[in-house]
Amino acid sequence: MDRMSTLVTPAALRIGPIALDAPVVLAPMAGITNTAFRRLCREYGAGLYVSEMITTRALVERNATTMRLITHHESETPRSIQLYGVDPATTEAAVRLLVEEDRADHIDLNFGCPVPKVTRKGGGAALPWKLGLFREIVTRAARAAGEVPLTVKMRKGIDGDHLTYLDAGRIAEDAGVAAVALHARTAAEFYSGTADWDAITRLKEAVTSVPVLGNGDIWSAEDAGRMMAETGCDGVVVGRGCLGRPWLFGDLARALGGPGAAAGGPVDATLGFVARAFRRHAELLVEFFEDEDRGCRDIRKHVAWYFKGYPVGGETRAQLATVSSLAQIDALLATLDVDAPYPGAAAEGQRGRAGTPKRPALPDGWLASRDLGAEASRTLAEAEVDNSGG
């Protein structure tokens, strides 16, 4: 912790009227950052906890699943929702719905999704290539948001030869956003390799009137402090680094936040501590889904993340990955050596998906011009699909 204090000066982060005790944002992750996980992270530390990505079309059409996903627990404040859209009018309508019905205190727009079935239609990380379309979406959304702060999350661009982040950052700033966040990879890189933190530095130099947040390869509080010190960014966005480690937000709040951002000292992540966090996560999922079997089925995908590096046998891991009740979870956790210490490096480093670099899937002729033609406009109409972004 002493080393951290030499890396970055603790500070709050202000996004529009929202003042955060720690300059930390939970990145939206499909199937992960539901109410249960957001509540769990919030129990450990301070920050802004963003919903799973919501498609603007589904929201405007009041899809039942979507309306459930934008519902926050009474303990969640500020309420943060991320939208994904490709049509200016639909995005504007979705933002207006959230504002007029008082469903969000912060709205984020996703322009970072690298998934082929999104970029193939011109959405996600492919969209900022079309400068006029990007400008219209962000401008109309910011106008509709009014006093509710609107932010933008994006990638460096499509690939190394087609970078968009500096243009997009300046456009978003001019449009009136409250902050911009950069995942320092291109769509072609997906989640592979090492994030280019120098790009965050360049964006911070280009965007001067609103906070710039950095995202990519933050696996620990030390990583976050180092990113802020090296790039000058105003805060960090954490995604895969908190998978199976919701207490990372406590570490981040203690390292980066002001007085009172997080109580207590550094986490002693014994196996017993991890087991209790896992059990709490399962309990919150059961509450969220209002169905014990479904909640326990959802916690299964988190098993490998929580117990990475710990002395949990293969048979126990396999059984945890097939649980259907809290009683089963309790019985299995009772067999663990709760005094087993934190395993160090074995539990650290990359978590979640990585993949390999690949040529982005794009609409035919997408890169030929930065203007949106008629054919590309028709393609975009098909682009709003439910998928993860960032």
Protein backbone atom coordinates (compact mmCIF):
# COMPACT_ATOMS: atom_id res chain seq x y z
CA MET A 1 0.00 0.00 0.00
CA ASP A 2 2.90 2.36 0.70
CA ARG A 3 4.23 1.74 -2.80
CA MET A 4 0.82 2.61 -4.22
CA SER A 5 0.82 5.98 -2.48
CA THR A 6 3.97 6.90 -4.38
CA LEU A 7 2.35 6.05 -7.71
CA VAL A 8 -0.80 8.15 -7.67
CA THR A 9 -2.43 10.71 -5.41
CA PRO A 10 -5.79 9.45 -4.08
CA ALA A 11 -8.64 11.42 -5.59
CA ALA A 12 -12.35 11.41 -6.14
CA LEU A 13 -13.79 11.27 -9.64
CA ARG A 14 -16.62 13.52 -10.81
CA ILE A 15 -18.77 12.47 -13.75
CA GLY A 16 -21.15 15.35 -14.30
CA PRO A 17 -22.96 15.87 -11.00
CA ILE A 18 -21.89 12.46 -9.68
CA ALA A 19 -18.98 12.53 -7.26
CA LEU A 20 -17.39 9.13 -6.65
CA ASP A 21 -15.30 8.41 -3.58
CA ALA A 22 -12.88 6.41 -5.74
CA PRO A 23 -12.06 6.89 -9.45
CA VAL A 24 -13.19 3.38 -10.33
CA VAL A 25 -15.84 2.06 -12.73
CA LEU A 26 -17.05 -1.52 -13.14
CA ALA A 27 -17.09 -2.32 -16.86
CA PRO A 28 -20.30 -3.77 -18.27
CA MET A 29 -19.98 -7.50 -18.96
CA ALA A 30 -22.82 -9.51 -20.46
CA GLY A 31 -24.09 -12.20 -18.15
CA ILE A 32 -21.85 -10.92 -15.34
CA THR A 33 -22.67 -7.40 -14.19
CA ASN A 34 -26.26 -8.01 -13.22
CA THR A 35 -27.73 -6.58 -10.01
CA ALA A 36 -26.32 -9.45 -7.95
CA PHE A 37 -22.71 -8.90 -8.97
CA ARG A 38 -22.98 -5.11 -8.78
CA ARG A 39 -24.33 -5.32 -5.24
CA LEU A 40 -21.55 -7.70 -4.25
CA CYS A 41 -18.82 -5.44 -5.63
CA ARG A 42 -20.40 -2.45 -3.92
CA GLU A 43 -20.27 -4.27 -0.58
CA TYR A 44 -16.47 -4.31 -0.83
CA GLY A 45 -15.63 -0.86 -2.18
CA ALA A 46 -16.56 2.44 -3.77
CA GLY A 47 -17.06 3.28 -7.43
CA LEU A 48 -19.57 3.37 -10.26
CA TYR A 49 -21.12 0.00 -11.09
CA VAL A 50 -22.51 -0.24 -14.62
CA SER A 51 -25.24 -2.59 -15.81
CA GLU A 52 -24.96 -5.23 -18.47
CA MET A 53 -25.15 -3.75 -21.97
CA ILE A 54 -28.73 -2.98 -23.03
CA THR A 55 -29.71 -2.63 -26.69
CA THR A 56 -31.58 0.56 -27.44
CA ARG A 57 -34.12 -1.14 -29.67
CA ALA A 58 -35.04 -3.70 -27.01
CA LEU A 59 -35.40 -0.91 -24.46
CA VAL A 60 -37.62 1.25 -26.65
CA GLU A 61 -39.76 -1.80 -27.42
CA ARG A 62 -39.90 -2.56 -23.67
CA ASN A 63 -38.68 -6.11 -24.03
CA ALA A 64 -39.52 -7.89 -20.77
CA THR A 65 -36.00 -9.23 -20.17
CA THR A 66 -34.49 -5.84 -20.91
CA MET A 67 -36.83 -4.04 -18.54
CA ARG A 68 -35.81 -6.49 -15.83
CA LEU A 69 -32.11 -5.89 -16.51
CA ILE A 70 -32.43 -2.11 -16.11
CA THR A 71 -34.14 -2.47 -12.73
CA HIS A 72 -31.78 -1.64 -9.87
CA HIS A 73 -31.91 -2.81 -6.27
CA GLU A 74 -32.89 -0.09 -3.82
CA SER A 75 -29.35 -0.14 -2.39
CA GLU A 76 -27.78 0.78 -5.74
CA THR A 77 -26.92 4.42 -6.07
CA PRO A 78 -25.94 5.95 -8.37
CA ARG A 79 -27.77 3.79 -10.92
CA SER A 80 -25.75 3.28 -14.08
CA ILE A 81 -26.92 1.77 -17.38
CA GLN A 82 -24.96 1.09 -20.56
CA LEU A 83 -26.72 1.30 -23.93
CA TYR A 84 -25.72 -0.12 -27.29
CA GLY A 85 -27.28 1.40 -30.37
CA VAL A 86 -26.56 2.13 -34.02
CA ASP A 87 -29.50 4.34 -34.94
CA PRO A 88 -29.50 7.97 -33.74
CA ALA A 89 -33.28 8.21 -33.35
CA THR A 90 -33.58 4.92 -31.45
CA THR A 91 -30.66 5.78 -29.19
CA GLU A 92 -32.16 9.18 -28.46
CA ALA A 93 -35.52 7.57 -27.65
CA ALA A 94 -33.89 5.03 -25.34
CA VAL A 95 -32.00 7.73 -23.44
CA ARG A 96 -35.15 9.81 -23.13
CA LEU A 97 -37.06 6.82 -21.74
CA LEU A 98 -34.44 6.28 -19.03
CA VAL A 99 -34.42 9.95 -18.09
CA GLU A 100 -38.16 10.65 -18.18
CA GLU A 101 -38.97 7.50 -16.20
CA ASP A 102 -36.15 8.16 -13.71
CA ARG A 103 -34.48 4.81 -14.32
CA ALA A 104 -30.82 5.91 -14.34
CA ASP A 105 -28.45 8.42 -12.77
CA HIS A 106 -25.76 7.78 -15.39
CA ILE A 107 -25.91 6.48 -18.96
CA ASP A 108 -22.98 5.07 -20.92
CA LEU A 109 -22.88 4.45 -24.68
CA ASN A 110 -20.97 1.40 -25.89
CA PHE A 111 -18.74 1.74 -28.95
CA GLY A 112 -16.28 -0.93 -27.93
CA CYS A 113 -17.84 -4.28 -28.75
CA PRO A 114 -15.39 -6.36 -30.87
CA VAL A 115 -17.66 -9.38 -31.34
CA PRO A 116 -17.86 -10.37 -35.03
CA LYS A 117 -21.63 -10.56 -35.25
CA VAL A 118 -21.76 -6.94 -34.05
CA THR A 119 -18.91 -5.46 -36.09
CA ARG A 120 -20.04 -7.40 -39.16
CA LYS A 121 -23.12 -5.18 -39.16
CA GLY A 122 -21.13 -2.01 -38.53
CA GLY A 123 -21.89 -1.76 -34.82
CA GLY A 124 -19.70 -1.70 -31.73
CA ALA A 125 -16.05 -0.87 -32.29
CA ALA A 126 -16.67 -0.54 -36.03
CA LEU A 127 -19.16 2.32 -35.73
CA PRO A 128 -16.85 5.28 -34.87
CA TRP A 129 -15.21 4.80 -38.28
CA LYS A 130 -18.31 6.51 -39.66
CA LEU A 131 -17.67 9.92 -38.12
CA GLY A 132 -20.97 11.55 -39.05
CA LEU A 133 -23.02 8.69 -37.66
CA PHE A 134 -21.00 8.60 -34.46
CA ARG A 135 -21.38 12.36 -34.01
CA GLU A 136 -25.15 12.25 -34.55
CA ILE A 137 -25.70 9.37 -32.12
CA VAL A 138 -23.66 10.94 -29.34
CA THR A 139 -24.99 14.47 -29.88
CA ARG A 140 -28.63 13.42 -29.86
CA ALA A 141 -28.10 11.12 -26.88
CA ALA A 142 -26.35 13.84 -24.86
CA ARG A 143 -29.14 16.28 -25.64
CA ALA A 144 -31.79 13.76 -24.56
CA ALA A 145 -29.88 12.96 -21.37
CA GLY A 146 -30.18 16.53 -20.11
CA GLU A 147 -28.89 16.71 -16.55
CA VAL A 148 -28.16 12.96 -16.43
CA PRO A 149 -24.46 12.51 -17.28
CA LEU A 150 -23.80 10.62 -20.50
CA THR A 151 -20.45 8.95 -21.15
CA VAL A 152 -18.87 7.01 -24.01
CA LYS A 153 -16.79 3.83 -23.90
CA MET A 154 -14.79 2.88 -26.98
CA ARG A 155 -11.77 1.04 -28.35
CA LYS A 156 -8.73 2.39 -30.16
CA GLY A 157 -10.32 1.52 -33.47
CA ILE A 158 -10.89 -1.31 -35.90
CA ASP A 159 -7.23 -2.28 -36.31
CA GLY A 160 -3.83 -0.63 -36.28
CA ASP A 161 -4.42 0.95 -39.68
CA HIS A 162 -7.89 2.25 -38.86
CA LEU A 163 -7.74 4.00 -35.50
CA THR A 164 -10.72 6.07 -34.41
CA TYR A 165 -10.31 6.91 -30.75
CA LEU A 166 -8.81 10.40 -31.01
CA ASP A 167 -11.43 11.63 -33.47
CA ALA A 168 -14.18 9.95 -31.49
CA GLY A 169 -12.91 11.38 -28.21
CA ARG A 170 -12.91 14.94 -29.53
CA ILE A 171 -16.35 14.51 -31.11
CA ALA A 172 -17.78 13.12 -27.88
CA GLU A 173 -16.24 15.96 -25.87
CA ASP A 174 -17.74 18.54 -28.24
CA ALA A 175 -21.11 16.78 -28.06
CA GLY A 176 -21.29 17.33 -24.32
CA VAL A 177 -20.47 13.98 -22.77
CA ALA A 178 -19.41 13.87 -19.12
CA ALA A 179 -16.45 11.50 -19.65
CA VAL A 180 -14.85 9.20 -22.19
CA ALA A 181 -13.40 5.75 -21.50
CA LEU A 182 -10.90 3.90 -23.67
CA HIS A 183 -10.24 0.18 -23.78
CA ALA A 184 -6.71 0.40 -25.11
CA ARG A 185 -7.03 -2.34 -27.71
CA THR A 186 -8.42 -2.43 -31.23
CA ALA A 187 -11.29 -4.64 -32.31
CA ALA A 188 -8.75 -6.79 -34.18
CA GLU A 189 -6.88 -7.45 -30.93
CA PHE A 190 -10.08 -8.55 -29.17
CA TYR A 191 -8.79 -9.21 -25.62
CA SER A 192 -5.39 -10.57 -26.62
CA GLY A 193 -1.89 -9.28 -26.05
CA THR A 194 -1.12 -6.26 -23.92
CA ALA A 195 -3.27 -3.14 -23.72
CA ASP A 196 -1.64 -0.04 -25.23
CA TRP A 197 -1.66 2.35 -22.30
CA ASP A 198 0.18 4.95 -24.41
CA ALA A 199 -3.09 5.38 -26.32
CA ILE A 200 -4.76 6.40 -23.07
CA THR A 201 -2.06 9.05 -22.63
CA ARG A 202 -2.70 10.37 -26.12
CA LEU A 203 -6.45 10.49 -25.55
CA LYS A 204 -5.94 12.35 -22.29
CA GLU A 205 -3.85 14.92 -24.17
CA ALA A 206 -6.57 15.29 -26.83
CA VAL A 207 -9.59 15.45 -24.52
CA THR A 208 -9.05 18.13 -21.92
CA SER A 209 -12.41 19.33 -20.60
CA VAL A 210 -13.89 16.06 -19.29
CA PRO A 211 -12.41 13.06 -17.47
CA VAL A 212 -10.66 10.35 -19.47
CA LEU A 213 -10.85 6.82 -18.06
CA GLY A 214 -8.50 3.97 -18.90
CA ASN A 215 -9.39 0.32 -19.40
CA GLY A 216 -7.28 -2.72 -20.15
CA ASP A 217 -5.05 -5.10 -18.15
CA ILE A 218 -6.00 -3.93 -14.67
CA TRP A 219 -5.64 -7.08 -12.60
CA SER A 220 -4.79 -5.42 -9.27
CA ALA A 221 -4.92 -2.13 -7.42
CA GLU A 222 -1.23 -1.68 -8.21
CA ASP A 223 -2.02 -1.97 -11.93
CA ALA A 224 -4.70 0.70 -11.58
CA GLY A 225 -2.38 3.09 -9.77
CA ARG A 226 0.33 2.51 -12.33
CA MET A 227 -2.06 3.20 -15.21
CA MET A 228 -3.17 6.48 -13.67
CA ALA A 229 0.42 7.53 -12.91
CA GLU A 230 1.77 6.60 -16.35
CA THR A 231 -1.08 7.90 -18.51
CA GLY A 232 -2.49 10.78 -16.47
CA CYS A 233 -6.00 9.35 -16.83
CA ASP A 234 -8.61 10.45 -14.32
CA GLY A 235 -9.89 7.01 -13.39
CA VAL A 236 -9.97 3.35 -14.34
CA VAL A 237 -12.55 0.98 -15.76
CA VAL A 238 -12.18 -2.59 -14.51
CA GLY A 239 -13.62 -5.60 -16.34
CA ARG A 240 -12.08 -9.06 -16.37
CA GLY A 241 -9.80 -8.29 -13.43
CA CYS A 242 -12.69 -8.50 -10.97
CA LEU A 243 -14.02 -11.86 -12.18
CA GLY A 244 -14.04 -14.07 -9.12
CA ARG A 245 -12.56 -11.18 -7.13
CA PRO A 246 -15.29 -8.66 -6.27
CA TRP A 247 -13.16 -7.54 -3.33
CA LEU A 248 -10.80 -5.94 -5.86
CA PHE A 249 -13.03 -2.87 -5.54
CA GLY A 250 -12.10 -2.67 -1.88
CA ASP A 251 -8.41 -2.77 -2.76
CA LEU A 252 -8.98 -0.13 -5.44
CA ALA A 253 -10.92 2.15 -3.09
CA ARG A 254 -8.24 1.92 -0.42
CA ALA A 255 -5.47 2.58 -2.93
CA LEU A 256 -7.09 5.25 -5.09
CA GLY A 257 -9.95 6.74 -3.10
CA GLY A 258 -10.15 9.49 -0.59
CA PRO A 259 -10.66 9.11 3.16
CA GLY A 260 -13.47 6.71 3.97
CA ALA A 261 -13.67 5.23 0.46
CA ALA A 262 -13.25 1.74 1.92
CA ALA A 263 -13.10 0.52 5.48
CA GLY A 264 -10.49 -1.83 6.91
CA GLY A 265 -7.10 -2.88 5.64
CA PRO A 266 -5.92 -4.98 2.72
CA VAL A 267 -7.89 -8.15 2.08
CA ASP A 268 -6.47 -11.39 3.46
CA ALA A 269 -7.88 -13.63 0.75
CA THR A 270 -7.68 -16.98 2.45
CA LEU A 271 -9.68 -19.81 0.94
CA GLY A 272 -12.29 -19.25 3.64
CA PHE A 273 -12.64 -15.58 2.62
CA VAL A 274 -13.06 -16.56 -1.03
CA ALA A 275 -15.59 -19.26 -0.15
CA ARG A 276 -17.69 -16.73 1.76
CA ALA A 277 -17.61 -14.33 -1.19
CA PHE A 278 -18.65 -17.12 -3.55
CA ARG A 279 -21.53 -18.09 -1.24
CA ARG A 280 -22.69 -14.47 -0.98
CA HIS A 281 -22.61 -14.13 -4.77
CA ALA A 282 -24.76 -17.23 -5.14
CA GLU A 283 -27.22 -15.94 -2.55
CA LEU A 284 -27.57 -12.62 -4.38
CA LEU A 285 -28.07 -14.41 -7.71
CA VAL A 286 -30.88 -16.49 -6.22
CA GLU A 287 -32.49 -13.27 -4.99
CA PHE A 288 -32.02 -11.58 -8.38
CA PHE A 289 -33.51 -14.42 -10.42
CA GLU A 290 -36.12 -15.20 -7.75
CA ASP A 291 -35.32 -18.83 -8.47
CA GLU A 292 -32.82 -20.93 -6.49
CA ASP A 293 -32.06 -23.35 -9.30
CA ARG A 294 -31.47 -20.60 -11.85
CA GLY A 295 -29.33 -18.56 -9.49
CA CYS A 296 -27.19 -21.58 -8.67
CA ARG A 297 -26.86 -22.46 -12.33
CA ASP A 298 -25.60 -18.93 -12.97
CA ILE A 299 -22.93 -19.11 -10.26
CA ARG A 300 -21.41 -22.18 -11.93
CA LYS A 301 -19.54 -20.11 -14.51
CA HIS A 302 -17.80 -18.21 -11.71
CA VAL A 303 -16.25 -21.28 -10.03
CA ALA A 304 -12.97 -21.29 -11.96
CA TRP A 305 -12.50 -17.55 -11.43
CA TYR A 306 -13.10 -17.59 -7.67
CA PHE A 307 -10.91 -20.59 -6.93
CA LYS A 308 -8.09 -19.94 -9.41
CA GLY A 309 -4.83 -21.02 -7.79
CA TYR A 310 -6.41 -22.30 -4.57
CA PRO A 311 -6.12 -25.90 -3.30
CA VAL A 312 -9.57 -27.00 -4.42
CA GLY A 313 -9.57 -30.50 -5.90
CA GLY A 314 -10.81 -31.29 -9.36
CA GLU A 315 -13.74 -33.32 -8.09
CA THR A 316 -14.89 -30.49 -5.81
CA ARG A 317 -14.54 -27.97 -8.64
CA ALA A 318 -16.58 -30.21 -10.90
CA GLN A 319 -19.29 -30.57 -8.27
CA LEU A 320 -19.41 -26.81 -7.66
CA ALA A 321 -19.86 -26.37 -11.40
CA THR A 322 -23.01 -28.49 -11.32
CA VAL A 323 -24.77 -27.19 -8.20
CA SER A 324 -28.49 -26.50 -8.21
CA SER A 325 -29.10 -25.40 -4.60
CA LEU A 326 -27.55 -23.28 -1.88
CA ALA A 327 -27.53 -26.33 0.37
CA GLN A 328 -25.29 -28.13 -2.13
CA ILE A 329 -22.97 -25.14 -2.21
CA ASP A 330 -22.80 -25.06 1.59
CA ALA A 331 -21.99 -28.76 1.78
CA LEU A 332 -19.19 -28.48 -0.77
CA LEU A 333 -17.68 -25.33 0.75
CA ALA A 334 -17.66 -27.05 4.13
CA THR A 335 -15.12 -29.55 2.78
CA LEU A 336 -12.54 -26.86 1.96
CA ASP A 337 -9.51 -25.96 4.04
CA VAL A 338 -10.71 -22.49 5.00
CA ASP A 339 -7.31 -21.62 6.50
CA ALA A 340 -5.48 -22.18 3.23
CA PRO A 341 -3.59 -18.92 2.56
CA TYR A 342 -3.73 -16.71 -0.49
CA PRO A 343 -1.66 -18.55 -3.14
CA GLY A 344 -0.03 -15.44 -4.58
CA ALA A 345 0.92 -15.46 -8.23
CA ALA A 346 -1.12 -18.59 -8.94
CA ALA A 347 -4.31 -16.61 -8.23
CA GLU A 348 -3.27 -13.48 -10.07
CA GLY A 349 -2.95 -12.30 -13.66
CA GLN A 350 -5.34 -12.60 -16.56
CA ARG A 351 -8.86 -13.84 -16.00
CA GLY A 352 -11.70 -14.42 -18.41
CA ARG A 353 -11.59 -14.48 -22.17
CA ALA A 354 -8.56 -13.42 -24.16
CA GLY A 355 -8.72 -14.92 -27.63
CA THR A 356 -6.29 -14.21 -30.42
CA PRO A 357 -5.93 -11.31 -32.86
CA LYS A 358 -8.17 -11.68 -35.87
CA ARG A 359 -9.28 -9.66 -38.84
CA PRO A 360 -12.47 -7.84 -37.79
CA ALA A 361 -15.65 -8.82 -39.57
CA LEU A 362 -17.03 -5.70 -41.28
CA PRO A 363 -19.76 -4.85 -43.79
CA ASP A 364 -18.60 -4.92 -47.40
CA GLY A 365 -16.81 -1.71 -48.28
CA TRP A 366 -17.00 -0.36 -44.73
CA LEU A 367 -13.43 0.98 -44.73
CA ALA A 368 -13.66 2.62 -48.14
CA SER A 369 -15.11 5.82 -46.70
CA ARG A 370 -15.71 7.43 -43.34
CA ASP A 371 -19.10 8.59 -44.57
CA LEU A 372 -22.17 6.40 -44.20
CA GLY A 373 -23.62 5.37 -47.53
CA ALA A 374 -27.09 3.99 -48.27
CA GLU A 375 -26.00 0.35 -48.24
CA ALA A 376 -24.17 0.73 -44.94
CA SER A 377 -27.21 2.47 -43.50
CA ARG A 378 -29.36 -0.55 -44.37
CA THR A 379 -26.80 -2.89 -42.82
CA LEU A 380 -26.84 -0.96 -39.55
CA ALA A 381 -30.56 -1.53 -39.18
CA GLU A 382 -29.71 -5.18 -38.47
CA ALA A 383 -26.90 -4.46 -36.05
CA GLU A 384 -28.72 -4.21 -32.73
CA VAL A 385 -28.22 -7.63 -31.20
CA ASP A 386 -27.74 -8.71 -27.62
CA ASN A 387 -24.04 -9.23 -27.06
CA SER A 388 -21.20 -8.31 -24.80
CA GLY A 389 -19.28 -5.14 -25.46
CA GLY A 390 -16.08 -3.48 -24.39
